[in-house]
Amino acid sequence: MTKNSLSPTTSIPANNLQALPSGTVVDDYIIERVLAQGGFSTVYLARQTKDQQQVAIKEYKPDHLTKRDGAQVTPIDPDAAALFQRGRHLFMKEATLLTTIKHPNIVSVINFFLCNNTAYLVMNFDYGITLGNWLKDTENTITSEFLLDVFQPVMRCIKNMHHRGLLHLDIKPDNILLRPSYNPLILDFGSTLSYTDKQNLSSHSMTKGFAAPEQYDKSHALGPWSDCYTIGASMLACLDRATPPASNDQAAIENKASAHLLYKNNIDEKILYAIDWAMQLSPAKRPQTIDDLLNAINYR
C-alpha cells in the first residue's frame, strides 16, 4: 500500500539577496514566506490585503540575469537586460494563457501584473507536496495504483490542452503538486507552445531528462507525441527515483534497461509497456495522441 505522507506545503529557507522578505507589500498582496525557489522564479505564500485570503505568488526572477536591489529586480548588464525583458514577456504570456484554461488539474490563476521591474502571477494556494519532493522520501512506495492515480488525471489534463492546440513540453515531477488523495495539480506552464504555429524552439525552456528528442532538434516537428515522451519520462522518474537520461544522450539511452525489464515484478505490465512506448526516441514510434497512451495502460 502506498504510504500517505502528504502534508501542508512548507516553506524553504530564503536567500535574503534573492527573495522578498516577509512583510513586503507587492501590489495588493503581503508576502508571508517563500514556498519554492528555482533558477527563474520564486513562489511565495502571500495574503490579499483586502480580505486576507491566502494566495501563492510567482515572481519572475532569473538568477543568472538579475540582482535584487531592494524590492526591485535589476538586470546585471545590458546583454542580460534584453534576455530578461524577453523572459518577462514570455512569463506574462504564460499568465495570460493560464487565465484562459480552466481545469481541475491546472493551477488556477487569479491575477497577474507588473511591479518592481518584473512580473508576478497570483494563483490559488493549494496544500500539498510536489511529486519531486514526495519521491525523496524513500518510505513512500511506488505502486501501479499510485502511478494511475497521479498520471491519468495529468494525461487527461494535457489531452484537454492538445484539443486547444497547445503543447505543455515540460511535465516533470517538480511541476506536479500532489494534493490529498494524490490528486495532481500541474503548476508550471512556462514552456507551453502552440503547435499550430511555426514557433522557434528557443521560445521555451527544456528540462534535461524529460524533454523529448525533438525539443533539441529543430528538424523534427513537435506534437502531442512530445508530451507523451515527457509523461513517460516522469513516470519512469517515479520508478527510478532519479532523472532519466537526457534524450539526446544516445549512449546513456542505449545502456538504460527498459522499464518492463526492470520493474515487471512490481508494476502492472501495461503501465510499463506504456512507459517504454512513450519514451521511444523516434517520434513516429511513440503514441501519437494522449488517447493512445491512455489506451495503452487500458484505463480512461
C-alpha atoms as a PDB file:
ATOM      1  CA  MET A   1       0.000   0.000   0.000  1.00  0.00           C
ATOM      2  CA  THR A   2       1.232   3.464  -0.788  1.00  0.00           C
ATOM      3  CA  LYS A   3       2.154   5.454   2.275  1.00  0.00           C
ATOM      4  CA  ASN A   4       0.163   8.671   2.593  1.00  0.00           C
ATOM      5  CA  SER A   5       2.703  11.307   3.537  1.00  0.00           C
ATOM      6  CA  LEU A   6       1.004  14.364   2.113  1.00  0.00           C
ATOM      7  CA  SER A   7       1.293  17.384   4.340  1.00  0.00           C
ATOM      8  CA  PRO A   8       0.687  21.133   4.022  1.00  0.00           C
ATOM      9  CA  THR A   9       3.185  22.845   1.782  1.00  0.00           C
ATOM     10  CA  THR A  10       6.109  24.014   3.894  1.00  0.00           C
ATOM     11  CA  SER A  11       8.398  26.962   3.359  1.00  0.00           C
ATOM     12  CA  ILE A  12      12.053  26.729   2.439  1.00  0.00           C
ATOM     13  CA  PRO A  13      14.868  28.930   3.684  1.00  0.00           C
ATOM     14  CA  ALA A  14      15.050  32.021   1.509  1.00  0.00           C
ATOM     15  CA  ASN A  15      18.212  33.590   0.180  1.00  0.00           C
ATOM     16  CA  ASN A  16      17.836  37.152   1.502  1.00  0.00           C
ATOM     17  CA  LEU A  17      19.611  38.553  -1.555  1.00  0.00           C
ATOM     18  CA  GLN A  18      17.252  36.796  -3.966  1.00  0.00           C
ATOM     19  CA  ALA A  19      13.833  36.599  -2.270  1.00  0.00           C
ATOM     20  CA  LEU A  20      11.493  39.285  -0.979  1.00  0.00           C
ATOM     21  CA  PRO A  21      11.420  39.367   2.839  1.00  0.00           C
ATOM     22  CA  SER A  22       8.313  38.608   4.858  1.00  0.00           C
ATOM     23  CA  GLY A  23       6.037  41.622   5.172  1.00  0.00           C
ATOM     24  CA  THR A  24       6.891  43.114   1.765  1.00  0.00           C
ATOM     25  CA  VAL A  25       3.836  44.603   0.051  1.00  0.00           C
ATOM     26  CA  VAL A  26       3.578  43.835  -3.676  1.00  0.00           C
ATOM     27  CA  ASP A  27       0.590  45.436  -5.375  1.00  0.00           C
ATOM     28  CA  ASP A  28      -2.377  44.319  -3.208  1.00  0.00           C
ATOM     29  CA  TYR A  29      -0.567  41.426  -1.519  1.00  0.00           C
ATOM     30  CA  ILE A  30       1.605  40.964   1.572  1.00  0.00           C
ATOM     31  CA  ILE A  31       4.427  38.427   1.270  1.00  0.00           C
ATOM     32  CA  GLU A  32       4.479  35.860   4.103  1.00  0.00           C
ATOM     33  CA  ARG A  33       7.210  33.379   3.196  1.00  0.00           C
ATOM     34  CA  VAL A  34       8.956  31.549   0.381  1.00  0.00           C
ATOM     35  CA  LEU A  35       7.320  28.332  -0.811  1.00  0.00           C
ATOM     36  CA  ALA A  36       9.779  27.413  -3.560  1.00  0.00           C
ATOM     37  CA  GLN A  37      12.776  28.848  -5.370  1.00  0.00           C
ATOM     38  CA  GLY A  38      14.183  27.968  -8.778  1.00  0.00           C
ATOM     39  CA  GLY A  39      16.629  29.414 -11.230  1.00  0.00           C
ATOM     40  CA  PHE A  40      13.986  31.518 -12.988  1.00  0.00           C
ATOM     41  CA  SER A  41      11.346  32.292 -10.373  1.00  0.00           C
ATOM     42  CA  THR A  42      10.386  32.340  -6.705  1.00  0.00           C
ATOM     43  CA  VAL A  43       6.983  31.287  -5.367  1.00  0.00           C
ATOM     44  CA  TYR A  44       5.726  32.967  -2.185  1.00  0.00           C
ATOM     45  CA  LEU A  45       2.846  32.405   0.182  1.00  0.00           C
ATOM     46  CA  ALA A  46       1.044  35.734   0.483  1.00  0.00           C
ATOM     47  CA  ARG A  47      -2.216  37.301   1.635  1.00  0.00           C
ATOM     48  CA  GLN A  48      -4.537  39.690  -0.108  1.00  0.00           C
ATOM     49  CA  THR A  49      -4.615  42.974   1.805  1.00  0.00           C
ATOM     50  CA  LYS A  50      -8.375  43.385   1.329  1.00  0.00           C
ATOM     51  CA  ASP A  51      -9.717  40.075   2.654  1.00  0.00           C
ATOM     52  CA  GLN A  52      -6.608  38.269   3.972  1.00  0.00           C
ATOM     53  CA  GLN A  53      -7.155  35.346   1.584  1.00  0.00           C
ATOM     54  CA  GLN A  54      -4.013  33.234   1.198  1.00  0.00           C
ATOM     55  CA  VAL A  55      -2.582  33.024  -2.308  1.00  0.00           C
ATOM     56  CA  ALA A  56       0.586  31.814  -3.998  1.00  0.00           C
ATOM     57  CA  ILE A  57       2.548  34.434  -5.944  1.00  0.00           C
ATOM     58  CA  LYS A  58       5.135  33.513  -8.549  1.00  0.00           C
ATOM     59  CA  GLU A  59       7.778  36.185  -9.181  1.00  0.00           C
ATOM     60  CA  TYR A  60       9.816  36.165 -12.378  1.00  0.00           C
ATOM     61  CA  LYS A  61      13.468  36.484 -11.349  1.00  0.00           C
ATOM     62  CA  PRO A  62      16.104  34.639 -13.382  1.00  0.00           C
ATOM     63  CA  ASP A  63      19.111  34.410 -11.063  1.00  0.00           C
ATOM     64  CA  HIS A  64      21.691  34.360 -13.856  1.00  0.00           C
ATOM     65  CA  LEU A  65      20.351  37.566 -15.414  1.00  0.00           C
ATOM     66  CA  THR A  66      19.316  39.717 -12.460  1.00  0.00           C
ATOM     67  CA  LYS A  67      20.142  41.000  -8.994  1.00  0.00           C
ATOM     68  CA  ARG A  68      17.912  42.244  -6.211  1.00  0.00           C
ATOM     69  CA  ASP A  69      18.060  45.970  -5.425  1.00  0.00           C
ATOM     70  CA  GLY A  70      15.654  46.359  -2.529  1.00  0.00           C
ATOM     71  CA  ALA A  71      12.363  45.084  -3.902  1.00  0.00           C
ATOM     72  CA  GLN A  72      13.413  45.898  -7.471  1.00  0.00           C
ATOM     73  CA  VAL A  73      14.675  43.227  -9.874  1.00  0.00           C
ATOM     74  CA  THR A  74      17.534  44.662 -11.958  1.00  0.00           C
ATOM     75  CA  PRO A  75      19.387  43.092 -14.921  1.00  0.00           C
ATOM     76  CA  ILE A  76      23.094  42.602 -14.215  1.00  0.00           C
ATOM     77  CA  ASP A  77      24.232  44.160 -17.533  1.00  0.00           C
ATOM     78  CA  PRO A  78      22.861  45.386 -20.898  1.00  0.00           C
ATOM     79  CA  ASP A  79      23.081  41.952 -22.509  1.00  0.00           C
ATOM     80  CA  ALA A  80      21.177  40.427 -19.620  1.00  0.00           C
ATOM     81  CA  ALA A  81      18.573  43.189 -19.875  1.00  0.00           C
ATOM     82  CA  ALA A  82      17.482  42.085 -23.349  1.00  0.00           C
ATOM     83  CA  LEU A  83      17.161  38.452 -22.275  1.00  0.00           C
ATOM     84  CA  PHE A  84      15.361  39.447 -19.079  1.00  0.00           C
ATOM     85  CA  GLN A  85      12.831  41.539 -20.984  1.00  0.00           C
ATOM     86  CA  ARG A  86      12.147  38.680 -23.382  1.00  0.00           C
ATOM     87  CA  GLY A  87      11.726  36.256 -20.498  1.00  0.00           C
ATOM     88  CA  ARG A  88       9.402  38.663 -18.702  1.00  0.00           C
ATOM     89  CA  HIS A  89       7.299  38.869 -21.863  1.00  0.00           C
ATOM     90  CA  LEU A  90       7.042  35.063 -22.023  1.00  0.00           C
ATOM     91  CA  PHE A  91       6.202  34.948 -18.305  1.00  0.00           C
ATOM     92  CA  MET A  92       3.294  37.316 -18.871  1.00  0.00           C
ATOM     93  CA  LYS A  93       2.271  35.257 -21.886  1.00  0.00           C
ATOM     94  CA  GLU A  94       2.131  32.186 -19.615  1.00  0.00           C
ATOM     95  CA  ALA A  95      -0.037  34.115 -17.159  1.00  0.00           C
ATOM     96  CA  THR A  96      -2.402  35.223 -19.930  1.00  0.00           C
ATOM     97  CA  LEU A  97      -2.643  31.654 -21.196  1.00  0.00           C
ATOM     98  CA  LEU A  98      -3.440  30.245 -17.761  1.00  0.00           C
ATOM     99  CA  THR A  99      -6.340  32.641 -17.284  1.00  0.00           C
ATOM    100  CA  THR A 100      -7.970  31.065 -20.357  1.00  0.00           C
ATOM    101  CA  ILE A 101      -7.539  27.432 -19.255  1.00  0.00           C
ATOM    102  CA  LYS A 102      -9.859  26.165 -16.546  1.00  0.00           C
ATOM    103  CA  HIS A 103      -9.293  22.573 -15.496  1.00  0.00           C
ATOM    104  CA  PRO A 104      -9.380  20.851 -12.080  1.00  0.00           C
ATOM    105  CA  ASN A 105      -5.784  19.672 -12.547  1.00  0.00           C
ATOM    106  CA  ILE A 106      -4.340  23.017 -13.684  1.00  0.00           C
ATOM    107  CA  VAL A 107      -3.320  25.709 -11.234  1.00  0.00           C
ATOM    108  CA  SER A 108      -5.942  28.463 -11.118  1.00  0.00           C
ATOM    109  CA  VAL A 109      -4.626  31.965 -11.881  1.00  0.00           C
ATOM    110  CA  ILE A 110      -6.338  34.850 -10.065  1.00  0.00           C
ATOM    111  CA  ASN A 111      -4.297  37.805 -11.273  1.00  0.00           C
ATOM    112  CA  PHE A 112      -1.054  38.887 -12.913  1.00  0.00           C
ATOM    113  CA  PHE A 113       0.715  42.220 -13.015  1.00  0.00           C
ATOM    114  CA  LEU A 114       3.988  44.101 -13.464  1.00  0.00           C
ATOM    115  CA  CYS A 115       5.724  45.502 -10.389  1.00  0.00           C
ATOM    116  CA  ASN A 116       9.296  46.032  -9.100  1.00  0.00           C
ATOM    117  CA  ASN A 117      10.511  45.971 -12.733  1.00  0.00           C
ATOM    118  CA  THR A 118       9.389  42.353 -13.075  1.00  0.00           C
ATOM    119  CA  ALA A 119       6.237  40.240 -13.405  1.00  0.00           C
ATOM    120  CA  TYR A 120       4.051  38.428 -10.882  1.00  0.00           C
ATOM    121  CA  LEU A 121       1.474  35.682 -11.284  1.00  0.00           C
ATOM    122  CA  VAL A 122      -1.114  35.197  -8.492  1.00  0.00           C
ATOM    123  CA  MET A 123      -2.580  31.729  -8.023  1.00  0.00           C
ATOM    124  CA  ASN A 124      -4.926  29.934  -5.674  1.00  0.00           C
ATOM    125  CA  PHE A 125      -2.935  28.383  -2.840  1.00  0.00           C
ATOM    126  CA  ASP A 126      -3.283  24.592  -2.615  1.00  0.00           C
ATOM    127  CA  TYR A 127      -1.954  22.381   0.166  1.00  0.00           C
ATOM    128  CA  GLY A 128       0.226  19.506  -0.915  1.00  0.00           C
ATOM    129  CA  ILE A 129       3.747  18.461  -1.828  1.00  0.00           C
ATOM    130  CA  THR A 130       5.417  18.350  -5.216  1.00  0.00           C
ATOM    131  CA  LEU A 131       5.856  14.890  -6.677  1.00  0.00           C
ATOM    132  CA  GLY A 132       9.586  15.620  -6.868  1.00  0.00           C
ATOM    133  CA  ASN A 133       9.781  16.164  -3.103  1.00  0.00           C
ATOM    134  CA  TRP A 134       7.448  13.235  -2.402  1.00  0.00           C
ATOM    135  CA  LEU A 135       9.846  10.935  -4.250  1.00  0.00           C
ATOM    136  CA  LYS A 136      12.725  11.990  -1.992  1.00  0.00           C
ATOM    137  CA  ASP A 137      11.097  10.180   0.943  1.00  0.00           C
ATOM    138  CA  THR A 138      12.160   6.555   0.456  1.00  0.00           C
ATOM    139  CA  GLU A 139       9.319   5.372   2.707  1.00  0.00           C
ATOM    140  CA  ASN A 140       6.846   6.415   0.020  1.00  0.00           C
ATOM    141  CA  THR A 141       6.157   3.343  -2.096  1.00  0.00           C
ATOM    142  CA  ILE A 142       5.532   3.500  -5.829  1.00  0.00           C
ATOM    143  CA  THR A 143       2.709   1.187  -6.897  1.00  0.00           C
ATOM    144  CA  SER A 144       0.652   0.724 -10.037  1.00  0.00           C
ATOM    145  CA  GLU A 145      -2.268   2.326  -8.227  1.00  0.00           C
ATOM    146  CA  PHE A 146      -0.189   5.383  -7.341  1.00  0.00           C
ATOM    147  CA  LEU A 147       1.012   5.867 -10.935  1.00  0.00           C
ATOM    148  CA  LEU A 148      -2.554   5.668 -12.221  1.00  0.00           C
ATOM    149  CA  ASP A 149      -3.898   7.998  -9.517  1.00  0.00           C
ATOM    150  CA  VAL A 150      -1.348  10.651 -10.434  1.00  0.00           C
ATOM    151  CA  PHE A 151      -0.815  10.301 -14.165  1.00  0.00           C
ATOM    152  CA  GLN A 152      -4.277   9.509 -15.505  1.00  0.00           C
ATOM    153  CA  PRO A 153      -5.538  12.971 -14.463  1.00  0.00           C
ATOM    154  CA  VAL A 154      -2.303  14.514 -15.796  1.00  0.00           C
ATOM    155  CA  MET A 155      -2.863  12.816 -19.155  1.00  0.00           C
ATOM    156  CA  ARG A 156      -6.493  13.958 -19.345  1.00  0.00           C
ATOM    157  CA  CYS A 157      -5.382  17.493 -18.497  1.00  0.00           C
ATOM    158  CA  ILE A 158      -2.734  17.501 -21.240  1.00  0.00           C
ATOM    159  CA  LYS A 159      -5.270  15.982 -23.645  1.00  0.00           C
ATOM    160  CA  ASN A 160      -7.508  18.992 -22.935  1.00  0.00           C
ATOM    161  CA  MET A 161      -4.593  21.300 -23.817  1.00  0.00           C
ATOM    162  CA  HIS A 162      -3.971  19.404 -27.049  1.00  0.00           C
ATOM    163  CA  HIS A 163      -7.592  19.941 -28.057  1.00  0.00           C
ATOM    164  CA  ARG A 164      -6.823  23.664 -27.739  1.00  0.00           C
ATOM    165  CA  GLY A 165      -3.781  23.301 -29.996  1.00  0.00           C
ATOM    166  CA  LEU A 166      -1.336  23.665 -27.089  1.00  0.00           C
ATOM    167  CA  LEU A 167       1.664  21.595 -26.034  1.00  0.00           C
ATOM    168  CA  HIS A 168       2.985  21.635 -22.461  1.00  0.00           C
ATOM    169  CA  LEU A 169       6.517  20.305 -23.135  1.00  0.00           C
ATOM    170  CA  ASP A 170       7.713  20.389 -19.513  1.00  0.00           C
ATOM    171  CA  ILE A 171       5.838  17.777 -17.498  1.00  0.00           C
ATOM    172  CA  LYS A 172       8.131  16.587 -14.690  1.00  0.00           C
ATOM    173  CA  PRO A 173       7.782  15.633 -11.007  1.00  0.00           C
ATOM    174  CA  ASP A 174       8.729  19.127  -9.820  1.00  0.00           C
ATOM    175  CA  ASN A 175       5.825  20.595 -11.832  1.00  0.00           C
ATOM    176  CA  ILE A 176       3.188  18.300 -10.293  1.00  0.00           C
ATOM    177  CA  LEU A 177       1.691  19.115  -6.879  1.00  0.00           C
ATOM    178  CA  LEU A 178       0.187  16.163  -5.037  1.00  0.00           C
ATOM    179  CA  ARG A 179      -2.902  17.242  -3.130  1.00  0.00           C
ATOM    180  CA  PRO A 180      -4.838  14.945  -0.733  1.00  0.00           C
ATOM    181  CA  SER A 181      -5.640  11.529  -2.249  1.00  0.00           C
ATOM    182  CA  TYR A 182      -2.754  12.168  -4.674  1.00  0.00           C
ATOM    183  CA  ASN A 183      -4.949  14.438  -6.784  1.00  0.00           C
ATOM    184  CA  PRO A 184      -2.357  16.117  -9.070  1.00  0.00           C
ATOM    185  CA  LEU A 185      -2.142  19.784  -9.941  1.00  0.00           C
ATOM    186  CA  ILE A 186       0.107  20.925 -12.800  1.00  0.00           C
ATOM    187  CA  LEU A 187       1.933  24.034 -11.602  1.00  0.00           C
ATOM    188  CA  ASP A 188       4.061  25.426 -14.399  1.00  0.00           C
ATOM    189  CA  PHE A 189       3.234  26.298 -17.999  1.00  0.00           C
ATOM    190  CA  GLY A 190       6.270  28.389 -18.894  1.00  0.00           C
ATOM    191  CA  SER A 191       7.245  26.117 -21.811  1.00  0.00           C
ATOM    192  CA  THR A 192       3.791  25.876 -23.397  1.00  0.00           C
ATOM    193  CA  LEU A 193       3.687  26.344 -27.176  1.00  0.00           C
ATOM    194  CA  SER A 194       1.044  26.334 -29.859  1.00  0.00           C
ATOM    195  CA  TYR A 195       1.874  23.521 -32.270  1.00  0.00           C
ATOM    196  CA  THR A 196      -0.371  25.045 -34.929  1.00  0.00           C
ATOM    197  CA  ASP A 197       2.080  27.946 -35.223  1.00  0.00           C
ATOM    198  CA  LYS A 198       5.643  27.859 -36.539  1.00  0.00           C
ATOM    199  CA  GLN A 199       7.310  28.820 -33.281  1.00  0.00           C
ATOM    200  CA  ASN A 200      11.020  28.734 -32.616  1.00  0.00           C
ATOM    201  CA  LEU A 201      12.241  26.207 -30.068  1.00  0.00           C
ATOM    202  CA  SER A 202      14.252  28.959 -28.399  1.00  0.00           C
ATOM    203  CA  SER A 203      10.996  30.404 -27.078  1.00  0.00           C
ATOM    204  CA  HIS A 204      10.627  27.693 -24.471  1.00  0.00           C
ATOM    205  CA  SER A 205      12.818  26.084 -21.853  1.00  0.00           C
ATOM    206  CA  MET A 206      13.694  22.406 -21.613  1.00  0.00           C
ATOM    207  CA  THR A 207      14.402  20.135 -18.668  1.00  0.00           C
ATOM    208  CA  LYS A 208      17.202  17.650 -19.210  1.00  0.00           C
ATOM    209  CA  GLY A 209      15.957  14.097 -18.790  1.00  0.00           C
ATOM    210  CA  PHE A 210      12.321  14.966 -19.504  1.00  0.00           C
ATOM    211  CA  ALA A 211      12.491  16.877 -22.807  1.00  0.00           C
ATOM    212  CA  ALA A 212      11.712  14.825 -25.914  1.00  0.00           C
ATOM    213  CA  PRO A 213      14.480  14.438 -28.549  1.00  0.00           C
ATOM    214  CA  GLU A 214      12.670  16.728 -30.979  1.00  0.00           C
ATOM    215  CA  GLN A 215      12.871  19.546 -28.438  1.00  0.00           C
ATOM    216  CA  TYR A 216      16.630  19.534 -29.083  1.00  0.00           C
ATOM    217  CA  ASP A 217      16.391  19.026 -32.836  1.00  0.00           C
ATOM    218  CA  LYS A 218      14.563  21.670 -34.896  1.00  0.00           C
ATOM    219  CA  SER A 219      14.356  19.318 -37.893  1.00  0.00           C
ATOM    220  CA  HIS A 220      11.678  17.236 -36.148  1.00  0.00           C
ATOM    221  CA  ALA A 221       8.162  18.514 -35.525  1.00  0.00           C
ATOM    222  CA  LEU A 222       6.758  18.971 -32.053  1.00  0.00           C
ATOM    223  CA  GLY A 223       3.339  17.498 -31.365  1.00  0.00           C
ATOM    224  CA  PRO A 224       1.243  15.556 -28.836  1.00  0.00           C
ATOM    225  CA  TRP A 225       3.829  12.778 -29.106  1.00  0.00           C
ATOM    226  CA  SER A 226       6.324  15.181 -27.490  1.00  0.00           C
ATOM    227  CA  ASP A 227       4.147  15.493 -24.371  1.00  0.00           C
ATOM    228  CA  CYS A 228       3.720  11.698 -24.393  1.00  0.00           C
ATOM    229  CA  TYR A 229       7.511  11.478 -24.009  1.00  0.00           C
ATOM    230  CA  THR A 230       7.597  13.880 -21.049  1.00  0.00           C
ATOM    231  CA  ILE A 231       4.800  11.975 -19.313  1.00  0.00           C
ATOM    232  CA  GLY A 232       6.567   8.656 -19.863  1.00  0.00           C
ATOM    233  CA  ALA A 233       9.820  10.145 -18.548  1.00  0.00           C
ATOM    234  CA  SER A 234       8.019  11.464 -15.457  1.00  0.00           C
ATOM    235  CA  MET A 235       6.520   8.038 -14.738  1.00  0.00           C
ATOM    236  CA  LEU A 236       9.943   6.438 -15.182  1.00  0.00           C
ATOM    237  CA  ALA A 237      11.446   9.008 -12.794  1.00  0.00           C
ATOM    238  CA  CYS A 238       8.968   7.807 -10.157  1.00  0.00           C
ATOM    239  CA  LEU A 239      10.117   4.221 -10.592  1.00  0.00           C
ATOM    240  CA  ASP A 240      13.833   5.031 -10.737  1.00  0.00           C
ATOM    241  CA  ARG A 241      13.610   7.854  -8.168  1.00  0.00           C
ATOM    242  CA  ALA A 242      16.068   9.604 -10.439  1.00  0.00           C
ATOM    243  CA  THR A 243      16.033  11.816 -13.506  1.00  0.00           C
ATOM    244  CA  PRO A 244      16.026   9.749 -16.727  1.00  0.00           C
ATOM    245  CA  PRO A 245      18.965  10.033 -19.140  1.00  0.00           C
ATOM    246  CA  ALA A 246      18.766  13.020 -21.454  1.00  0.00           C
ATOM    247  CA  SER A 247      17.016  12.068 -24.683  1.00  0.00           C
ATOM    248  CA  ASN A 248      19.936  13.443 -26.727  1.00  0.00           C
ATOM    249  CA  ASP A 249      22.461  11.264 -24.844  1.00  0.00           C
ATOM    250  CA  GLN A 250      22.498   8.263 -27.172  1.00  0.00           C
ATOM    251  CA  ALA A 251      24.991   6.224 -25.133  1.00  0.00           C
ATOM    252  CA  ALA A 252      23.094   6.643 -21.865  1.00  0.00           C
ATOM    253  CA  ILE A 253      19.808   5.738 -23.556  1.00  0.00           C
ATOM    254  CA  GLU A 254      21.285   2.584 -25.098  1.00  0.00           C
ATOM    255  CA  ASN A 255      22.692   1.471 -21.737  1.00  0.00           C
ATOM    256  CA  LYS A 256      19.376   2.008 -19.937  1.00  0.00           C
ATOM    257  CA  ALA A 257      17.277  -1.136 -19.475  1.00  0.00           C
ATOM    258  CA  SER A 258      13.562  -0.939 -20.323  1.00  0.00           C
ATOM    259  CA  ALA A 259      11.021  -0.151 -17.615  1.00  0.00           C
ATOM    260  CA  HIS A 260       9.375  -3.510 -18.309  1.00  0.00           C
ATOM    261  CA  LEU A 261      12.608  -5.400 -17.721  1.00  0.00           C
ATOM    262  CA  LEU A 262      13.421  -3.502 -14.514  1.00  0.00           C
ATOM    263  CA  TYR A 263      10.029  -3.399 -12.816  1.00  0.00           C
ATOM    264  CA  LYS A 264       7.889  -6.237 -14.220  1.00  0.00           C
ATOM    265  CA  ASN A 265       7.762  -7.966 -10.826  1.00  0.00           C
ATOM    266  CA  ASN A 266       6.257  -4.951  -9.084  1.00  0.00           C
ATOM    267  CA  ILE A 267       4.291  -2.834 -11.558  1.00  0.00           C
ATOM    268  CA  ASP A 268       1.405  -3.635 -13.929  1.00  0.00           C
ATOM    269  CA  GLU A 269       2.916  -4.642 -17.270  1.00  0.00           C
ATOM    270  CA  LYS A 270       0.505  -2.430 -19.224  1.00  0.00           C
ATOM    271  CA  ILE A 271       1.901   0.612 -17.423  1.00  0.00           C
ATOM    272  CA  LEU A 272       5.498  -0.456 -18.060  1.00  0.00           C
ATOM    273  CA  TYR A 273       4.923  -1.090 -21.744  1.00  0.00           C
ATOM    274  CA  ALA A 274       3.220   2.307 -21.991  1.00  0.00           C
ATOM    275  CA  ILE A 275       6.272   3.993 -20.417  1.00  0.00           C
ATOM    276  CA  ASP A 276       8.663   2.243 -22.802  1.00  0.00           C
ATOM    277  CA  TRP A 277       6.466   3.109 -25.776  1.00  0.00           C
ATOM    278  CA  ALA A 278       6.138   6.763 -24.749  1.00  0.00           C
ATOM    279  CA  MET A 279       9.924   7.079 -24.426  1.00  0.00           C
ATOM    280  CA  GLN A 280      10.874   5.845 -27.870  1.00  0.00           C
ATOM    281  CA  LEU A 281      13.410   8.242 -29.364  1.00  0.00           C
ATOM    282  CA  SER A 282      11.709   8.327 -32.756  1.00  0.00           C
ATOM    283  CA  PRO A 283       8.512  10.429 -32.596  1.00  0.00           C
ATOM    284  CA  ALA A 284       6.863   8.135 -35.147  1.00  0.00           C
ATOM    285  CA  LYS A 285       7.350   5.120 -32.853  1.00  0.00           C
ATOM    286  CA  ARG A 286       5.666   6.787 -29.872  1.00  0.00           C
ATOM    287  CA  PRO A 287       1.961   7.192 -29.016  1.00  0.00           C
ATOM    288  CA  GLN A 288       0.730   9.893 -31.354  1.00  0.00           C
ATOM    289  CA  THR A 289      -2.009  11.122 -29.006  1.00  0.00           C
ATOM    290  CA  ILE A 290      -2.750  11.085 -25.301  1.00  0.00           C
ATOM    291  CA  ASP A 291      -5.655   8.745 -26.054  1.00  0.00           C
ATOM    292  CA  ASP A 292      -3.116   6.269 -27.453  1.00  0.00           C
ATOM    293  CA  LEU A 293      -1.221   6.457 -24.152  1.00  0.00           C
ATOM    294  CA  LEU A 294      -4.389   6.102 -22.063  1.00  0.00           C
ATOM    295  CA  ASN A 295      -5.443   3.117 -24.149  1.00  0.00           C
ATOM    296  CA  ALA A 296      -2.010   1.553 -23.632  1.00  0.00           C
ATOM    297  CA  ILE A 297      -2.490   1.441 -19.871  1.00  0.00           C
ATOM    298  CA  ASN A 298      -6.036   0.239 -20.552  1.00  0.00           C
ATOM    299  CA  TYR A 299      -7.655   2.921 -18.439  1.00  0.00           C
ATOM    300  CA  ARG A 300      -9.661   6.007 -19.377  1.00  0.00           C
END
